[in-house]
């Protein structure tokens, strides 16, 4: 399974979801995972370095790739791993486009805000272009950093469900301190000394639904 977390807008929690899913696949599913850092900011690589220093090992393999190398290297490595998780984007880059041409599933996180949801059309166009090369590509939108209450979550879900290229996946994740707190020390929320049950449940639910899509 190759899952690419993509967005053309930064600050939506794309990397947080990618690194947490990579760890979840290792500790919950016993999978051999490759995490591809294809975001020029390199945050996933920073997380892996902190994790290796803390634990002695990341538990997964990580590589940094940019541009067309994302496609060529992932195609070379795909048979050597059970799962490949790609952290791509933050903006429209060659690496993001390359990731879409090799992924089985693209996951596009959105915060429930107008400026975030407005990027749906642009990302949908990129998905459509990628399907000319990768016709089996599936794409889902998920709400990240959801509000604890109010109508914004519902409005965002309705807007995301209107895309012709991207399906809405009902697996929202709340705005929880557990995610950035764990990121900062190289851990998944599933590994925290004092776990946030809601954060853990939301991550596990997302992982299960993504796995079901690709089976």
N, C-alpha and C. Protein backbone atom coordinates (compact mmCIF):
# COMPACT_ATOMS: atom_id res chain seq x y z
N UNK A 1 0.84 -1.19 0.00
CA UNK A 1 0.00 0.00 0.00
C UNK A 1 0.88 1.24 0.00
N UNK A 2 0.64 2.14 -0.92
CA UNK A 2 1.35 3.41 -0.98
C UNK A 2 0.34 4.52 -0.72
N UNK A 3 0.52 5.23 0.37
CA UNK A 3 -0.37 6.32 0.74
C UNK A 3 0.41 7.63 0.71
N UNK A 4 -0.10 8.60 -0.01
CA UNK A 4 0.54 9.91 -0.08
C UNK A 4 -0.35 10.93 0.63
N UNK A 5 0.23 11.63 1.58
CA UNK A 5 -0.46 12.74 2.23
C UNK A 5 -0.07 14.01 1.49
N UNK A 6 -1.04 14.65 0.88
CA UNK A 6 -0.74 15.79 0.01
C UNK A 6 -1.66 16.97 0.33
N UNK A 7 -1.15 18.15 0.07
CA UNK A 7 -1.93 19.38 0.16
C UNK A 7 -1.13 20.47 -0.56
N UNK A 8 -1.84 21.45 -1.08
CA UNK A 8 -1.17 22.60 -1.68
C UNK A 8 -1.12 23.77 -0.72
N UNK A 9 -1.65 23.56 0.48
CA UNK A 9 -1.66 24.59 1.52
C UNK A 9 -0.97 24.04 2.77
N UNK A 10 -0.08 24.81 3.32
CA UNK A 10 0.60 24.38 4.53
C UNK A 10 -0.25 24.59 5.78
N UNK A 11 0.20 24.00 6.87
CA UNK A 11 -0.46 24.23 8.15
C UNK A 11 -1.72 23.44 8.40
N UNK A 12 -1.95 22.38 7.60
CA UNK A 12 -3.18 21.60 7.79
C UNK A 12 -2.93 20.30 8.55
N UNK A 13 -1.68 20.07 8.97
CA UNK A 13 -1.38 18.87 9.74
C UNK A 13 -1.04 17.65 8.91
N UNK A 14 -0.63 17.88 7.66
CA UNK A 14 -0.31 16.79 6.74
C UNK A 14 0.82 15.90 7.28
N UNK A 15 1.91 16.53 7.71
CA UNK A 15 3.04 15.77 8.21
C UNK A 15 2.70 15.02 9.48
N UNK A 16 1.94 15.65 10.36
CA UNK A 16 1.52 14.99 11.60
C UNK A 16 0.77 13.71 11.30
N UNK A 17 -0.14 13.75 10.35
CA UNK A 17 -0.89 12.54 10.00
C UNK A 17 0.02 11.50 9.36
N UNK A 18 0.93 11.93 8.51
CA UNK A 18 1.82 10.98 7.82
C UNK A 18 2.71 10.24 8.81
N UNK A 19 3.33 10.96 9.74
CA UNK A 19 4.25 10.30 10.66
C UNK A 19 3.50 9.43 11.66
N UNK A 20 2.32 9.87 12.07
CA UNK A 20 1.54 9.06 13.01
C UNK A 20 1.02 7.80 12.34
N UNK A 21 0.64 7.90 11.06
CA UNK A 21 0.18 6.70 10.37
C UNK A 21 1.35 5.73 10.16
N UNK A 22 2.51 6.26 9.82
CA UNK A 22 3.68 5.39 9.62
C UNK A 22 3.98 4.59 10.88
N UNK A 23 3.95 5.25 12.03
CA UNK A 23 4.21 4.55 13.29
C UNK A 23 3.08 3.59 13.61
N UNK A 24 1.85 3.99 13.35
CA UNK A 24 0.70 3.11 13.61
C UNK A 24 0.82 1.83 12.81
N UNK A 25 1.24 1.92 11.57
CA UNK A 25 1.38 0.73 10.73
C UNK A 25 2.43 -0.23 11.30
N UNK A 26 3.45 0.33 11.94
CA UNK A 26 4.51 -0.49 12.52
C UNK A 26 4.04 -1.16 13.81
N UNK A 27 3.53 -0.36 14.75
CA UNK A 27 3.26 -0.90 16.09
C UNK A 27 1.90 -1.59 16.20
N UNK A 28 0.94 -1.18 15.40
CA UNK A 28 -0.39 -1.78 15.50
C UNK A 28 -0.60 -2.90 14.49
N UNK A 29 0.06 -2.81 13.34
CA UNK A 29 -0.16 -3.79 12.28
C UNK A 29 1.07 -4.64 11.99
N UNK A 30 2.21 -4.30 12.61
CA UNK A 30 3.42 -5.09 12.39
C UNK A 30 3.95 -5.02 10.97
N UNK A 31 3.74 -3.89 10.31
CA UNK A 31 4.14 -3.75 8.92
C UNK A 31 5.56 -3.20 8.81
N UNK A 32 6.22 -3.53 7.70
CA UNK A 32 7.53 -2.98 7.37
C UNK A 32 7.27 -1.72 6.55
N UNK A 33 7.59 -0.57 7.12
CA UNK A 33 7.15 0.71 6.56
C UNK A 33 8.32 1.55 6.08
N UNK A 34 8.12 2.17 4.92
CA UNK A 34 9.02 3.19 4.40
C UNK A 34 8.30 4.53 4.47
N UNK A 35 8.90 5.50 5.15
CA UNK A 35 8.37 6.86 5.19
C UNK A 35 9.20 7.71 4.25
N UNK A 36 8.55 8.29 3.27
CA UNK A 36 9.23 9.14 2.28
C UNK A 36 8.95 10.60 2.63
N UNK A 37 9.99 11.33 2.95
CA UNK A 37 9.86 12.76 3.21
C UNK A 37 10.07 13.49 1.89
N UNK A 38 8.96 13.87 1.26
CA UNK A 38 9.03 14.57 -0.02
C UNK A 38 8.61 16.02 0.11
N UNK A 39 8.56 16.49 1.35
CA UNK A 39 8.23 17.89 1.63
C UNK A 39 9.54 18.63 1.83
N UNK A 40 9.72 19.72 1.13
CA UNK A 40 10.99 20.44 1.18
C UNK A 40 11.31 20.97 2.58
N UNK A 41 10.31 21.09 3.44
CA UNK A 41 10.58 21.55 4.81
C UNK A 41 11.30 20.48 5.63
N UNK A 42 11.14 19.22 5.25
CA UNK A 42 11.87 18.14 5.92
C UNK A 42 11.44 17.84 7.34
N UNK A 43 10.20 18.17 7.69
CA UNK A 43 9.75 17.97 9.06
C UNK A 43 9.68 16.50 9.44
N UNK A 44 9.26 15.65 8.52
CA UNK A 44 9.20 14.21 8.81
C UNK A 44 10.59 13.66 9.11
N UNK A 45 11.60 14.16 8.42
CA UNK A 45 12.97 13.72 8.68
C UNK A 45 13.45 14.20 10.05
N UNK A 46 13.05 15.42 10.42
CA UNK A 46 13.39 15.93 11.74
C UNK A 46 12.75 15.06 12.82
N UNK A 47 11.48 14.68 12.61
CA UNK A 47 10.80 13.81 13.55
C UNK A 47 11.54 12.48 13.69
N UNK A 48 11.95 11.91 12.55
CA UNK A 48 12.63 10.62 12.58
C UNK A 48 13.96 10.71 13.31
N UNK A 49 14.67 11.83 13.16
CA UNK A 49 15.95 12.00 13.85
C UNK A 49 15.74 12.07 15.36
N UNK A 50 14.73 12.81 15.78
CA UNK A 50 14.41 12.91 17.21
C UNK A 50 14.01 11.54 17.74
N UNK A 51 13.22 10.83 16.97
CA UNK A 51 12.74 9.50 17.38
C UNK A 51 13.91 8.51 17.53
N UNK A 52 14.80 8.51 16.56
CA UNK A 52 15.94 7.60 16.60
C UNK A 52 16.84 7.91 17.80
N UNK A 53 17.01 9.19 18.09
CA UNK A 53 17.84 9.58 19.23
C UNK A 53 17.18 9.16 20.55
N UNK A 54 15.86 9.23 20.60
CA UNK A 54 15.14 8.90 21.83
C UNK A 54 15.02 7.39 22.04
N UNK A 55 14.71 6.67 20.97
CA UNK A 55 14.41 5.25 21.08
C UNK A 55 15.54 4.33 20.63
N UNK A 56 16.52 4.91 19.94
CA UNK A 56 17.61 4.09 19.41
C UNK A 56 17.35 3.61 17.99
N UNK A 57 16.09 3.68 17.57
CA UNK A 57 15.70 3.27 16.22
C UNK A 57 14.33 3.88 15.92
N UNK A 58 14.10 4.20 14.66
CA UNK A 58 12.79 4.75 14.29
C UNK A 58 11.72 3.67 14.26
N UNK A 59 12.13 2.44 13.91
CA UNK A 59 11.16 1.37 13.71
C UNK A 59 10.67 1.29 12.28
N UNK A 60 11.02 2.30 11.49
CA UNK A 60 10.68 2.31 10.07
C UNK A 60 11.88 2.86 9.31
N UNK A 61 11.84 2.74 7.99
CA UNK A 61 12.90 3.31 7.14
C UNK A 61 12.44 4.66 6.64
N UNK A 62 13.32 5.62 6.61
CA UNK A 62 12.97 6.94 6.09
C UNK A 62 13.97 7.38 5.04
N UNK A 63 13.46 8.00 3.98
CA UNK A 63 14.31 8.60 2.95
C UNK A 63 13.75 9.97 2.60
N UNK A 64 14.64 10.85 2.21
CA UNK A 64 14.25 12.17 1.71
C UNK A 64 14.38 12.17 0.19
N UNK A 65 13.31 12.53 -0.48
CA UNK A 65 13.31 12.56 -1.95
C UNK A 65 12.62 13.83 -2.42
N UNK A 66 13.05 14.33 -3.57
CA UNK A 66 12.41 15.50 -4.16
C UNK A 66 12.21 15.28 -5.65
N UNK A 67 11.30 16.04 -6.20
CA UNK A 67 11.09 16.05 -7.64
C UNK A 67 10.76 14.68 -8.22
N UNK A 68 11.28 14.43 -9.41
CA UNK A 68 10.99 13.18 -10.11
C UNK A 68 11.51 11.96 -9.38
N UNK A 69 12.50 12.15 -8.48
CA UNK A 69 13.04 11.02 -7.72
C UNK A 69 11.99 10.37 -6.84
N UNK A 70 10.96 11.11 -6.47
CA UNK A 70 9.89 10.52 -5.67
C UNK A 70 9.26 9.37 -6.43
N UNK A 71 9.01 9.57 -7.70
CA UNK A 71 8.40 8.52 -8.51
C UNK A 71 9.39 7.38 -8.77
N UNK A 72 10.57 7.71 -9.25
CA UNK A 72 11.50 6.65 -9.65
C UNK A 72 11.95 5.79 -8.47
N UNK A 73 12.23 6.43 -7.33
CA UNK A 73 12.71 5.67 -6.18
C UNK A 73 11.59 4.86 -5.52
N UNK A 74 10.40 5.43 -5.44
CA UNK A 74 9.28 4.68 -4.85
C UNK A 74 8.95 3.46 -5.70
N UNK A 75 8.97 3.60 -7.02
CA UNK A 75 8.72 2.45 -7.88
C UNK A 75 9.78 1.38 -7.68
N UNK A 76 11.01 1.80 -7.43
CA UNK A 76 12.10 0.85 -7.19
C UNK A 76 11.94 0.14 -5.85
N UNK A 77 11.43 0.87 -4.84
CA UNK A 77 11.38 0.35 -3.48
C UNK A 77 10.06 -0.29 -3.10
N UNK A 78 9.05 -0.16 -3.92
CA UNK A 78 7.70 -0.54 -3.50
C UNK A 78 7.59 -2.02 -3.12
N UNK A 79 8.33 -2.90 -3.76
CA UNK A 79 8.23 -4.33 -3.45
C UNK A 79 9.06 -4.75 -2.23
N UNK A 80 9.82 -3.81 -1.67
CA UNK A 80 10.67 -4.12 -0.52
C UNK A 80 9.99 -3.79 0.81
N UNK A 81 8.83 -3.16 0.76
CA UNK A 81 8.14 -2.74 1.99
C UNK A 81 6.67 -3.12 1.91
N UNK A 82 6.08 -3.34 3.09
CA UNK A 82 4.64 -3.61 3.14
C UNK A 82 3.84 -2.35 2.82
N UNK A 83 4.29 -1.25 3.40
CA UNK A 83 3.59 0.03 3.21
C UNK A 83 4.60 1.13 2.96
N UNK A 84 4.22 2.06 2.11
CA UNK A 84 5.01 3.27 1.89
C UNK A 84 4.11 4.46 2.17
N UNK A 85 4.56 5.32 3.07
CA UNK A 85 3.83 6.54 3.41
C UNK A 85 4.64 7.72 2.91
N UNK A 86 4.02 8.55 2.08
CA UNK A 86 4.71 9.70 1.49
C UNK A 86 4.15 10.99 2.08
N UNK A 87 5.03 11.80 2.62
CA UNK A 87 4.65 13.14 3.09
C UNK A 87 5.04 14.13 2.00
N UNK A 88 4.06 14.59 1.25
CA UNK A 88 4.35 15.42 0.08
C UNK A 88 3.57 16.72 0.14
N UNK A 89 4.19 17.77 -0.31
CA UNK A 89 3.41 18.98 -0.52
C UNK A 89 3.61 20.06 0.51
N UNK A 90 2.51 20.74 0.80
CA UNK A 90 2.58 22.01 1.49
C UNK A 90 2.40 23.09 0.45
N UNK A 91 2.70 22.72 -0.79
CA UNK A 91 2.43 23.54 -1.97
C UNK A 91 2.56 22.64 -3.20
N UNK A 92 2.18 23.18 -4.34
CA UNK A 92 2.23 22.41 -5.58
C UNK A 92 3.68 22.29 -6.04
N UNK A 93 4.26 21.10 -5.86
CA UNK A 93 5.66 20.88 -6.25
C UNK A 93 5.76 19.68 -7.18
N UNK A 94 6.92 19.55 -7.80
CA UNK A 94 7.17 18.39 -8.66
C UNK A 94 7.11 17.11 -7.83
N UNK A 95 7.57 17.17 -6.59
CA UNK A 95 7.54 16.01 -5.72
C UNK A 95 6.12 15.58 -5.39
N UNK A 96 5.25 16.55 -5.13
CA UNK A 96 3.84 16.23 -4.86
C UNK A 96 3.21 15.57 -6.08
N UNK A 97 3.43 16.13 -7.24
CA UNK A 97 2.86 15.57 -8.47
C UNK A 97 3.41 14.17 -8.74
N UNK A 98 4.70 13.97 -8.47
CA UNK A 98 5.30 12.65 -8.67
C UNK A 98 4.70 11.64 -7.71
N UNK A 99 4.46 12.07 -6.47
CA UNK A 99 3.86 11.16 -5.47
C UNK A 99 2.49 10.67 -5.93
N UNK A 100 1.72 11.55 -6.52
CA UNK A 100 0.38 11.17 -6.97
C UNK A 100 0.41 10.16 -8.11
N UNK A 101 1.50 10.12 -8.85
CA UNK A 101 1.57 9.17 -9.97
C UNK A 101 1.92 7.75 -9.54
N UNK A 102 2.34 7.58 -8.26
CA UNK A 102 2.70 6.24 -7.79
C UNK A 102 1.83 5.76 -6.63
N UNK A 103 1.06 6.65 -6.03
CA UNK A 103 0.28 6.29 -4.84
C UNK A 103 -0.94 5.44 -5.19
N UNK A 104 -1.27 4.54 -4.28
CA UNK A 104 -2.55 3.84 -4.37
C UNK A 104 -3.67 4.73 -3.83
N UNK A 105 -3.32 5.55 -2.86
CA UNK A 105 -4.31 6.39 -2.20
C UNK A 105 -3.68 7.72 -1.82
N UNK A 106 -4.37 8.80 -2.16
CA UNK A 106 -3.96 10.14 -1.73
C UNK A 106 -4.90 10.59 -0.63
N UNK A 107 -4.32 11.05 0.46
CA UNK A 107 -5.10 11.56 1.59
C UNK A 107 -4.85 13.07 1.68
N UNK A 108 -5.93 13.84 1.60
CA UNK A 108 -5.81 15.30 1.60
C UNK A 108 -6.48 15.85 2.85
N UNK A 109 -5.68 16.30 3.82
CA UNK A 109 -6.27 16.86 5.04
C UNK A 109 -6.71 18.31 4.86
N UNK A 110 -7.82 18.64 5.47
CA UNK A 110 -8.34 20.00 5.47
C UNK A 110 -8.74 20.38 6.89
N UNK A 111 -8.40 21.59 7.29
CA UNK A 111 -8.98 22.11 8.51
C UNK A 111 -10.33 22.71 8.16
N UNK A 112 -11.26 22.74 9.09
CA UNK A 112 -12.61 23.24 8.78
C UNK A 112 -12.66 24.76 8.72
N UNK A 113 -11.92 25.32 7.76
CA UNK A 113 -11.86 26.76 7.56
C UNK A 113 -12.05 27.06 6.09
N UNK A 114 -12.62 28.20 5.78
CA UNK A 114 -12.91 28.55 4.38
C UNK A 114 -11.67 28.51 3.51
N UNK A 115 -10.56 29.12 3.99
CA UNK A 115 -9.36 29.20 3.16
C UNK A 115 -8.79 27.82 2.88
N UNK A 116 -8.96 26.88 3.79
CA UNK A 116 -8.48 25.52 3.56
C UNK A 116 -9.37 24.81 2.54
N UNK A 117 -10.67 24.87 2.75
CA UNK A 117 -11.61 24.16 1.89
C UNK A 117 -11.56 24.71 0.47
N UNK A 118 -11.23 26.00 0.33
CA UNK A 118 -11.16 26.58 -1.01
C UNK A 118 -10.06 25.96 -1.87
N UNK A 119 -9.10 25.26 -1.27
CA UNK A 119 -8.06 24.61 -2.06
C UNK A 119 -8.53 23.30 -2.68
N UNK A 120 -9.76 22.88 -2.35
CA UNK A 120 -10.27 21.59 -2.84
C UNK A 120 -10.23 21.50 -4.36
N UNK A 121 -10.63 22.56 -5.03
CA UNK A 121 -10.66 22.54 -6.49
C UNK A 121 -9.28 22.37 -7.09
N UNK A 122 -8.30 23.05 -6.52
CA UNK A 122 -6.93 22.96 -7.05
C UNK A 122 -6.37 21.56 -6.83
N UNK A 123 -6.57 21.02 -5.64
CA UNK A 123 -6.06 19.67 -5.36
C UNK A 123 -6.80 18.65 -6.23
N UNK A 124 -8.10 18.86 -6.40
CA UNK A 124 -8.87 17.95 -7.26
C UNK A 124 -8.35 17.93 -8.68
N UNK A 125 -7.93 19.10 -9.17
CA UNK A 125 -7.37 19.17 -10.53
C UNK A 125 -6.06 18.38 -10.61
N UNK A 126 -5.24 18.46 -9.56
CA UNK A 126 -3.99 17.70 -9.54
C UNK A 126 -4.27 16.20 -9.52
N UNK A 127 -5.30 15.79 -8.78
CA UNK A 127 -5.68 14.38 -8.74
C UNK A 127 -6.11 13.93 -10.14
N UNK A 128 -6.91 14.74 -10.79
CA UNK A 128 -7.37 14.40 -12.13
C UNK A 128 -6.23 14.25 -13.11
N UNK A 129 -5.25 15.14 -13.03
CA UNK A 129 -4.09 15.05 -13.92
C UNK A 129 -3.27 13.79 -13.62
N UNK A 130 -3.12 13.48 -12.34
CA UNK A 130 -2.34 12.30 -11.96
C UNK A 130 -2.99 11.02 -12.46
N UNK A 131 -4.30 11.00 -12.53
CA UNK A 131 -5.00 9.79 -12.97
C UNK A 131 -4.78 9.49 -14.46
N UNK A 132 -4.28 10.45 -15.21
CA UNK A 132 -3.93 10.18 -16.59
C UNK A 132 -2.74 9.21 -16.65
N UNK A 133 -1.89 9.27 -15.61
CA UNK A 133 -0.74 8.37 -15.51
C UNK A 133 -1.03 7.21 -14.57
N UNK A 134 -1.81 7.47 -13.53
CA UNK A 134 -2.09 6.50 -12.48
C UNK A 134 -3.61 6.36 -12.33
N UNK A 135 -4.25 5.68 -13.27
CA UNK A 135 -5.72 5.64 -13.28
C UNK A 135 -6.34 4.96 -12.06
N UNK A 136 -5.57 4.16 -11.34
CA UNK A 136 -6.10 3.47 -10.16
C UNK A 136 -6.04 4.32 -8.89
N UNK A 137 -5.50 5.52 -9.00
CA UNK A 137 -5.36 6.38 -7.82
C UNK A 137 -6.71 6.71 -7.19
N UNK A 138 -6.79 6.46 -5.90
CA UNK A 138 -7.96 6.87 -5.12
C UNK A 138 -7.57 8.08 -4.28
N UNK A 139 -8.54 8.92 -3.97
CA UNK A 139 -8.25 10.13 -3.21
C UNK A 139 -9.37 10.41 -2.23
N UNK A 140 -8.99 10.72 -0.99
CA UNK A 140 -9.98 11.04 0.03
C UNK A 140 -9.58 12.32 0.76
N UNK A 141 -10.57 13.06 1.18
CA UNK A 141 -10.36 14.25 2.00
C UNK A 141 -10.76 13.93 3.43
N UNK A 142 -9.95 14.38 4.38
CA UNK A 142 -10.26 14.18 5.79
C UNK A 142 -10.18 15.52 6.51
N UNK A 143 -11.01 15.68 7.52
CA UNK A 143 -10.95 16.89 8.33
C UNK A 143 -9.97 16.68 9.46
N UNK A 144 -9.01 17.58 9.56
CA UNK A 144 -8.02 17.53 10.63
C UNK A 144 -8.17 18.79 11.48
N UNK A 145 -7.79 18.69 12.74
CA UNK A 145 -7.94 19.81 13.67
C UNK A 145 -9.38 20.28 13.73
N UNK A 146 -10.29 19.32 13.81
CA UNK A 146 -11.72 19.64 13.85
C UNK A 146 -12.04 20.39 15.14
N UNK A 147 -13.05 21.24 15.07
CA UNK A 147 -13.50 21.99 16.23
C UNK A 147 -14.26 21.08 17.19
N UNK A 148 -14.19 21.35 18.49
CA UNK A 148 -14.93 20.51 19.45
C UNK A 148 -16.44 20.66 19.34
N UNK A 149 -16.88 21.79 18.79
CA UNK A 149 -18.32 22.01 18.61
C UNK A 149 -18.52 23.10 17.57
N UNK A 150 -19.78 23.34 17.23
CA UNK A 150 -20.08 24.35 16.22
C UNK A 150 -20.40 23.73 14.87
N UNK A 151 -20.72 24.59 13.92
CA UNK A 151 -21.19 24.14 12.61
C UNK A 151 -20.09 24.06 11.55
N UNK A 152 -18.88 24.53 11.88
CA UNK A 152 -17.83 24.57 10.86
C UNK A 152 -17.44 23.18 10.37
N UNK A 153 -17.40 22.20 11.26
CA UNK A 153 -17.05 20.84 10.85
C UNK A 153 -18.06 20.30 9.83
N UNK A 154 -19.34 20.49 10.14
CA UNK A 154 -20.39 20.00 9.25
C UNK A 154 -20.35 20.70 7.91
N UNK A 155 -20.14 22.01 7.93
CA UNK A 155 -20.09 22.77 6.68
C UNK A 155 -18.89 22.33 5.83
N UNK A 156 -17.75 22.10 6.49
CA UNK A 156 -16.56 21.65 5.76
C UNK A 156 -16.80 20.27 5.16
N UNK A 157 -17.41 19.37 5.92
CA UNK A 157 -17.67 18.02 5.41
C UNK A 157 -18.58 18.07 4.19
N UNK A 158 -19.60 18.92 4.24
CA UNK A 158 -20.51 19.05 3.09
C UNK A 158 -19.78 19.60 1.88
N UNK A 159 -18.91 20.59 2.09
CA UNK A 159 -18.16 21.16 0.97
C UNK A 159 -17.19 20.15 0.37
N UNK A 160 -16.52 19.39 1.24
CA UNK A 160 -15.56 18.40 0.76
C UNK A 160 -16.25 17.26 0.00
N UNK A 161 -17.50 17.01 0.32
CA UNK A 161 -18.24 15.95 -0.35
C UNK A 161 -18.70 16.31 -1.75
N UNK A 162 -18.46 17.54 -2.15
CA UNK A 162 -18.93 18.00 -3.45
C UNK A 162 -17.90 17.82 -4.57
N UNK A 163 -16.70 17.37 -4.24
CA UNK A 163 -15.67 17.21 -5.26
C UNK A 163 -15.95 16.00 -6.13
N UNK A 164 -15.70 16.16 -7.42
CA UNK A 164 -15.86 15.03 -8.33
C UNK A 164 -14.65 14.13 -8.38
N UNK A 165 -13.52 14.60 -7.88
CA UNK A 165 -12.26 13.84 -7.94
C UNK A 165 -11.89 13.22 -6.60
N UNK A 166 -12.36 13.81 -5.51
CA UNK A 166 -11.94 13.42 -4.17
C UNK A 166 -13.15 13.05 -3.34
N UNK A 167 -13.13 11.88 -2.72
CA UNK A 167 -14.23 11.45 -1.86
C UNK A 167 -13.99 11.96 -0.44
N UNK A 168 -15.07 12.25 0.25
CA UNK A 168 -14.95 12.65 1.65
C UNK A 168 -14.93 11.41 2.53
N UNK A 169 -13.94 11.33 3.42
CA UNK A 169 -13.83 10.21 4.35
C UNK A 169 -14.21 10.69 5.74
N UNK A 170 -15.24 10.09 6.29
CA UNK A 170 -15.73 10.49 7.61
C UNK A 170 -14.86 9.87 8.70
N UNK A 171 -13.71 10.51 8.93
CA UNK A 171 -12.77 10.06 9.97
C UNK A 171 -12.05 11.29 10.51
N UNK A 172 -12.80 12.24 11.07
CA UNK A 172 -12.19 13.51 11.50
C UNK A 172 -11.26 13.32 12.70
N UNK A 173 -10.26 14.18 12.76
CA UNK A 173 -9.36 14.22 13.90
C UNK A 173 -9.46 15.59 14.55
N UNK A 174 -9.58 15.62 15.86
CA UNK A 174 -9.75 16.87 16.57
C UNK A 174 -8.45 17.64 16.74
N UNK A 175 -8.60 18.88 17.16
CA UNK A 175 -7.44 19.71 17.46
C UNK A 175 -6.96 19.35 18.87
N UNK A 176 -6.04 18.41 18.94
CA UNK A 176 -5.63 17.87 20.23
C UNK A 176 -4.15 18.12 20.49
N UNK A 177 -3.83 18.56 21.70
CA UNK A 177 -2.45 18.88 22.05
C UNK A 177 -1.57 17.65 22.00
N UNK A 178 -2.17 16.47 22.12
CA UNK A 178 -1.38 15.24 22.12
C UNK A 178 -0.55 15.10 20.85
N UNK A 179 -1.08 15.54 19.72
CA UNK A 179 -0.34 15.36 18.46
C UNK A 179 0.94 16.20 18.43
N UNK A 180 0.88 17.52 18.61
CA UNK A 180 2.14 18.29 18.59
C UNK A 180 3.07 17.94 19.75
N UNK A 181 2.50 17.62 20.90
CA UNK A 181 3.34 17.27 22.05
C UNK A 181 4.14 16.00 21.77
N UNK A 182 3.49 15.01 21.17
CA UNK A 182 4.19 13.76 20.84
C UNK A 182 5.16 13.95 19.68
N UNK A 183 4.75 14.73 18.68
CA UNK A 183 5.65 15.01 17.55
C UNK A 183 6.99 15.55 18.04
N UNK A 184 6.92 16.44 19.02
CA UNK A 184 8.12 17.14 19.49
C UNK A 184 9.12 16.21 20.16
N UNK A 185 8.67 15.04 20.62
CA UNK A 185 9.58 14.10 21.28
C UNK A 185 9.73 12.80 20.48
N UNK A 186 9.32 12.84 19.22
CA UNK A 186 9.57 11.70 18.34
C UNK A 186 8.66 10.52 18.54
N UNK A 187 7.47 10.76 19.08
CA UNK A 187 6.55 9.66 19.34
C UNK A 187 5.22 9.86 18.62
N UNK A 188 4.54 8.76 18.37
CA UNK A 188 3.15 8.79 17.94
C UNK A 188 2.29 8.97 19.18
N UNK A 189 1.06 9.43 18.97
CA UNK A 189 0.13 9.54 20.11
C UNK A 189 -0.15 8.16 20.71
N UNK A 190 0.06 7.12 19.93
CA UNK A 190 -0.16 5.76 20.44
C UNK A 190 0.92 5.33 21.43
N UNK A 191 2.03 6.08 21.49
CA UNK A 191 3.17 5.70 22.32
C UNK A 191 3.37 6.59 23.54
N UNK A 192 2.51 7.58 23.71
CA UNK A 192 2.67 8.52 24.81
C UNK A 192 2.58 7.81 26.16
N UNK A 193 3.32 8.32 27.13
CA UNK A 193 3.28 7.74 28.47
C UNK A 193 1.88 7.87 29.06
N UNK A 194 1.27 9.01 28.84
CA UNK A 194 -0.12 9.23 29.24
C UNK A 194 -0.92 9.49 27.97
N UNK A 195 -1.53 8.46 27.47
CA UNK A 195 -2.20 8.54 26.18
C UNK A 195 -3.48 9.38 26.25
N UNK A 196 -3.73 10.11 25.18
CA UNK A 196 -5.00 10.80 24.99
C UNK A 196 -5.93 9.81 24.28
N UNK A 197 -6.92 9.27 24.97
CA UNK A 197 -7.77 8.23 24.35
C UNK A 197 -8.46 8.69 23.08
N UNK A 198 -8.87 9.95 23.05
CA UNK A 198 -9.56 10.45 21.85
C UNK A 198 -8.61 10.54 20.67
N UNK A 199 -7.41 11.03 20.91
CA UNK A 199 -6.43 11.12 19.82
C UNK A 199 -6.08 9.74 19.30
N UNK A 200 -5.87 8.80 20.21
CA UNK A 200 -5.54 7.43 19.80
C UNK A 200 -6.67 6.80 19.01
N UNK A 201 -7.89 6.99 19.47
CA UNK A 201 -9.03 6.41 18.78
C UNK A 201 -9.20 7.02 17.39
N UNK A 202 -9.01 8.32 17.29
CA UNK A 202 -9.15 8.97 15.98
C UNK A 202 -8.09 8.50 14.99
N UNK A 203 -6.86 8.36 15.46
CA UNK A 203 -5.80 7.87 14.58
C UNK A 203 -6.07 6.44 14.16
N UNK A 204 -6.47 5.59 15.09
CA UNK A 204 -6.73 4.18 14.78
C UNK A 204 -7.90 4.05 13.81
N UNK A 205 -8.92 4.88 14.00
CA UNK A 205 -10.07 4.86 13.10
C UNK A 205 -9.67 5.27 11.69
N UNK A 206 -8.87 6.33 11.59
CA UNK A 206 -8.39 6.77 10.27
C UNK A 206 -7.58 5.66 9.62
N UNK A 207 -6.65 5.06 10.36
CA UNK A 207 -5.81 3.99 9.80
C UNK A 207 -6.66 2.83 9.31
N UNK A 208 -7.66 2.43 10.09
CA UNK A 208 -8.50 1.31 9.70
C UNK A 208 -9.29 1.62 8.43
N UNK A 209 -9.80 2.83 8.33
CA UNK A 209 -10.59 3.20 7.16
C UNK A 209 -9.71 3.33 5.91
N UNK A 210 -8.50 3.83 6.07
CA UNK A 210 -7.59 3.92 4.92
C UNK A 210 -7.19 2.53 4.44
N UNK A 211 -6.94 1.63 5.38
CA UNK A 211 -6.59 0.25 5.03
C UNK A 211 -7.74 -0.42 4.30
N UNK A 212 -8.95 -0.20 4.77
CA UNK A 212 -10.12 -0.82 4.14
C UNK A 212 -10.28 -0.35 2.70
N UNK A 213 -9.98 0.90 2.44
CA UNK A 213 -10.10 1.45 1.08
C UNK A 213 -9.15 0.76 0.12
N UNK A 214 -7.95 0.46 0.60
CA UNK A 214 -6.92 -0.07 -0.30
C UNK A 214 -6.92 -1.60 -0.40
N UNK A 215 -7.76 -2.27 0.36
CA UNK A 215 -7.81 -3.73 0.29
C UNK A 215 -8.74 -4.19 -0.81
